[in-house]
Each structure stands twice: as structure tokens, then as C-alpha cells.
Amino acid sequence: MAKDGGQPGDLGSKDARKAEKELRKHLKRLEGELAAASRAEARRLRKFEKARWRRQRIQAFVDEVKAITEADAGSTEPAPAPAAAAPRSAPSPARSPKPATARATKPRAASPRKTARP
């Protein structure tokens, strides 16, 4: 009769409760591991997006410098070259604080949306 679990004080009901408790404990641990893995993945994705954004900014700067140097090399007069470089370098200081303020005001969850737009 103990295996049937008919009586509340039977050994079978204690085993069933113990098994249930162990199962809940195991599921809770697995849920915790899943949440930790999710947080780690989100952290990895933010790091990747930040590196990609940084690489794009560096590439844009390199392209801009190449265009300036090609314009300098293409011109025979040295005077127009600094004049051409001055307007291009003037917007750069205005551009650099903008991403920093944009990152500071936007929530972290908004950064993955930047990847959806080319």
C-alpha cells in the first residue's frame, strides 16, 4: 500500500513530494542558467555593435582623408588644397559629440535597431 500513495503519511507520497521539489529546483536552476546566457548574449551583441559602429566611423574617416589627399595631389596649386581641407575638417568636431550624446540619451535596447537600417 505504500507504493500506491493512498495515505498522506505513506512513503510513496513523500517520495512524490520530494521528486516534485527536486524537479522544481532543477527547473529553477535551468531557468537561471538560461537567463544568464541571455544576458551574456545581449552583452556580446552590444559589444559587437559598438565595434561595428567604431569600424564604420574609422572607415568613413579614412575615406574622407583619402578624398582630401587625392584632391591635394590632383591640384597643382598648393593654395586651394588647404582651403578645400578647411571646410571638411570644420564639421568633424561638430560630428564627434553627436554620437556620444545620442548614445547617452538612447536606452541600450535601441542600439540593436541601428543594425536593421543599412
C-alpha atoms as a PDB file:
ATOM      1  CA  MET A   1       0.000   0.000   0.000  1.00  0.00           C
ATOM      2  CA  ALA A   2       2.919   2.306   0.487  1.00  0.00           C
ATOM      3  CA  LYS A   3       3.603   2.399  -3.263  1.00  0.00           C
ATOM      4  CA  ASP A   4       0.019   3.329  -4.101  1.00  0.00           C
ATOM      5  CA  GLY A   5       0.266   6.597  -2.192  1.00  0.00           C
ATOM      6  CA  GLY A   6      -3.247   6.317  -0.792  1.00  0.00           C
ATOM      7  CA  GLN A   7      -2.442   7.614   2.687  1.00  0.00           C
ATOM      8  CA  PRO A   8      -0.920  11.066   3.248  1.00  0.00           C
ATOM      9  CA  GLY A   9       1.642   9.607   5.628  1.00  0.00           C
ATOM     10  CA  ASP A  10       2.730   6.885   3.230  1.00  0.00           C
ATOM     11  CA  LEU A  11       6.255   6.589   1.961  1.00  0.00           C
ATOM     12  CA  GLY A  12       5.090   6.896  -1.666  1.00  0.00           C
ATOM     13  CA  SER A  13       3.583  10.343  -1.179  1.00  0.00           C
ATOM     14  CA  LYS A  14       6.782  11.579   0.477  1.00  0.00           C
ATOM     15  CA  ASP A  15       8.793  10.330  -2.487  1.00  0.00           C
ATOM     16  CA  ALA A  16       6.399  12.030  -4.871  1.00  0.00           C
ATOM     17  CA  ARG A  17       6.656  15.327  -2.997  1.00  0.00           C
ATOM     18  CA  LYS A  18      10.435  15.017  -2.836  1.00  0.00           C
ATOM     19  CA  ALA A  19      10.618  14.298  -6.563  1.00  0.00           C
ATOM     20  CA  GLU A  20       8.348  17.265  -7.275  1.00  0.00           C
ATOM     21  CA  LYS A  21      10.508  19.513  -5.111  1.00  0.00           C
ATOM     22  CA  GLU A  22      13.687  18.321  -6.830  1.00  0.00           C
ATOM     23  CA  LEU A  23      12.108  18.854 -10.234  1.00  0.00           C
ATOM     24  CA  ARG A  24      11.098  22.423  -9.333  1.00  0.00           C
ATOM     25  CA  LYS A  25      14.607  23.075  -8.020  1.00  0.00           C
ATOM     26  CA  HIS A  26      16.163  21.704 -11.207  1.00  0.00           C
ATOM     27  CA  LEU A  27      13.845  23.763 -13.422  1.00  0.00           C
ATOM     28  CA  LYS A  28      14.605  26.899 -11.429  1.00  0.00           C
ATOM     29  CA  ARG A  29      18.340  26.303 -11.866  1.00  0.00           C
ATOM     30  CA  LEU A  30      17.903  25.766 -15.616  1.00  0.00           C
ATOM     31  CA  GLU A  31      15.842  28.968 -15.881  1.00  0.00           C
ATOM     32  CA  GLY A  32      18.621  30.842 -14.097  1.00  0.00           C
ATOM     33  CA  GLU A  33      21.212  29.437 -16.497  1.00  0.00           C
ATOM     34  CA  LEU A  34      19.054  30.435 -19.458  1.00  0.00           C
ATOM     35  CA  ALA A  35      18.644  33.971 -18.132  1.00  0.00           C
ATOM     36  CA  ALA A  36      22.412  34.243 -17.573  1.00  0.00           C
ATOM     37  CA  ALA A  37      23.077  33.004 -21.115  1.00  0.00           C
ATOM     38  CA  SER A  38      20.578  35.539 -22.450  1.00  0.00           C
ATOM     39  CA  ARG A  39      22.307  38.373 -20.579  1.00  0.00           C
ATOM     40  CA  ALA A  40      25.711  37.225 -21.856  1.00  0.00           C
ATOM     41  CA  GLU A  41      24.396  37.099 -25.433  1.00  0.00           C
ATOM     42  CA  ALA A  42      22.942  40.603 -25.136  1.00  0.00           C
ATOM     43  CA  ARG A  43      26.268  41.853 -23.749  1.00  0.00           C
ATOM     44  CA  ARG A  44      28.139  40.161 -26.620  1.00  0.00           C
ATOM     45  CA  LEU A  45      25.767  41.678 -29.169  1.00  0.00           C
ATOM     46  CA  ARG A  46      26.173  45.189 -27.705  1.00  0.00           C
ATOM     47  CA  LYS A  47      29.942  44.777 -27.807  1.00  0.00           C
ATOM     48  CA  PHE A  48      29.763  43.622 -31.427  1.00  0.00           C
ATOM     49  CA  GLU A  49      27.507  46.530 -32.437  1.00  0.00           C
ATOM     50  CA  LYS A  50      29.792  49.009 -30.713  1.00  0.00           C
ATOM     51  CA  ALA A  51      32.839  47.608 -32.542  1.00  0.00           C
ATOM     52  CA  ARG A  52      30.978  47.653 -35.860  1.00  0.00           C
ATOM     53  CA  TRP A  53      29.910  51.267 -35.337  1.00  0.00           C
ATOM     54  CA  ARG A  54      33.501  52.197 -34.419  1.00  0.00           C
ATOM     55  CA  ARG A  55      34.837  50.429 -37.523  1.00  0.00           C
ATOM     56  CA  GLN A  56      32.338  52.256 -39.739  1.00  0.00           C
ATOM     57  CA  ARG A  57      33.353  55.622 -38.271  1.00  0.00           C
ATOM     58  CA  ILE A  58      37.041  54.835 -38.798  1.00  0.00           C
ATOM     59  CA  GLN A  59      36.363  53.733 -42.378  1.00  0.00           C
ATOM     60  CA  ALA A  60      34.412  56.947 -43.062  1.00  0.00           C
ATOM     61  CA  PHE A  61      37.289  58.990 -41.656  1.00  0.00           C
ATOM     62  CA  VAL A  62      39.831  57.085 -43.777  1.00  0.00           C
ATOM     63  CA  ASP A  63      37.698  57.640 -46.884  1.00  0.00           C
ATOM     64  CA  GLU A  64      37.446  61.334 -46.053  1.00  0.00           C
ATOM     65  CA  VAL A  65      41.223  61.613 -45.602  1.00  0.00           C
ATOM     66  CA  LYS A  66      41.774  59.755 -48.892  1.00  0.00           C
ATOM     67  CA  ALA A  67      39.458  62.171 -50.686  1.00  0.00           C
ATOM     68  CA  ILE A  68      41.319  65.152 -49.213  1.00  0.00           C
ATOM     69  CA  THR A  69      44.737  63.752 -50.120  1.00  0.00           C
ATOM     70  CA  GLU A  70      43.568  62.882 -53.639  1.00  0.00           C
ATOM     71  CA  ALA A  71      42.216  66.403 -54.024  1.00  0.00           C
ATOM     72  CA  ASP A  72      45.553  67.759 -52.780  1.00  0.00           C
ATOM     73  CA  ALA A  73      47.541  65.532 -55.125  1.00  0.00           C
ATOM     74  CA  GLY A  74      45.281  66.351 -58.086  1.00  0.00           C
ATOM     75  CA  SER A  75      45.650  70.097 -57.730  1.00  0.00           C
ATOM     76  CA  THR A  76      48.824  71.801 -58.956  1.00  0.00           C
ATOM     77  CA  GLU A  77      48.349  74.885 -56.809  1.00  0.00           C
ATOM     78  CA  PRO A  78      49.152  74.500 -53.097  1.00  0.00           C
ATOM     79  CA  ALA A  79      46.811  77.330 -52.006  1.00  0.00           C
ATOM     80  CA  PRO A  80      43.439  75.700 -52.881  1.00  0.00           C
ATOM     81  CA  ALA A  81      44.346  72.463 -51.083  1.00  0.00           C
ATOM     82  CA  PRO A  82      44.194  73.938 -47.534  1.00  0.00           C
ATOM     83  CA  ALA A  83      41.026  75.801 -48.474  1.00  0.00           C
ATOM     84  CA  ALA A  84      39.421  72.519 -49.575  1.00  0.00           C
ATOM     85  CA  ALA A  85      40.566  70.799 -46.391  1.00  0.00           C
ATOM     86  CA  ALA A  86      39.235  73.521 -44.083  1.00  0.00           C
ATOM     87  CA  PRO A  87      35.501  73.006 -44.777  1.00  0.00           C
ATOM     88  CA  ARG A  88      35.851  69.225 -44.423  1.00  0.00           C
ATOM     89  CA  SER A  89      37.649  69.412 -41.112  1.00  0.00           C
ATOM     90  CA  ALA A  90      35.252  72.008 -39.678  1.00  0.00           C
ATOM     91  CA  PRO A  91      32.206  69.653 -39.474  1.00  0.00           C
ATOM     92  CA  SER A  92      34.266  66.875 -37.868  1.00  0.00           C
ATOM     93  CA  PRO A  93      34.305  68.409 -34.346  1.00  0.00           C
ATOM     94  CA  ALA A  94      30.566  69.002 -34.622  1.00  0.00           C
ATOM     95  CA  ARG A  95      30.067  65.380 -35.681  1.00  0.00           C
ATOM     96  CA  SER A  96      32.104  63.740 -32.942  1.00  0.00           C
ATOM     97  CA  PRO A  97      29.990  64.881 -29.938  1.00  0.00           C
ATOM     98  CA  LYS A  98      26.750  63.916 -31.688  1.00  0.00           C
ATOM     99  CA  PRO A  99      27.197  60.117 -31.452  1.00  0.00           C
ATOM    100  CA  ALA A 100      28.289  60.422 -27.831  1.00  0.00           C
ATOM    101  CA  THR A 101      25.186  62.417 -26.886  1.00  0.00           C
ATOM    102  CA  ALA A 102      22.981  60.132 -28.962  1.00  0.00           C
ATOM    103  CA  ARG A 103      24.322  57.099 -27.104  1.00  0.00           C
ATOM    104  CA  ALA A 104      23.889  58.796 -23.748  1.00  0.00           C
ATOM    105  CA  THR A 105      20.238  59.716 -24.375  1.00  0.00           C
ATOM    106  CA  LYS A 106      19.105  56.495 -26.063  1.00  0.00           C
ATOM    107  CA  PRO A 107      18.343  53.412 -23.992  1.00  0.00           C
ATOM    108  CA  ARG A 108      20.630  50.428 -24.526  1.00  0.00           C
ATOM    109  CA  ALA A 109      17.835  48.442 -26.121  1.00  0.00           C
ATOM    110  CA  ALA A 110      17.717  50.929 -29.001  1.00  0.00           C
ATOM    111  CA  SER A 111      21.234  50.072 -30.234  1.00  0.00           C
ATOM    112  CA  PRO A 112      20.244  46.772 -31.982  1.00  0.00           C
ATOM    113  CA  ARG A 113      17.789  48.753 -34.147  1.00  0.00           C
ATOM    114  CA  LYS A 114      20.712  50.538 -35.747  1.00  0.00           C
ATOM    115  CA  THR A 115      21.734  47.276 -37.396  1.00  0.00           C
ATOM    116  CA  ALA A 116      18.389  46.895 -39.169  1.00  0.00           C
ATOM    117  CA  ARG A 117      18.998  50.038 -41.158  1.00  0.00           C
ATOM    118  CA  PRO A 118      21.803  49.911 -43.697  1.00  0.00           C
END
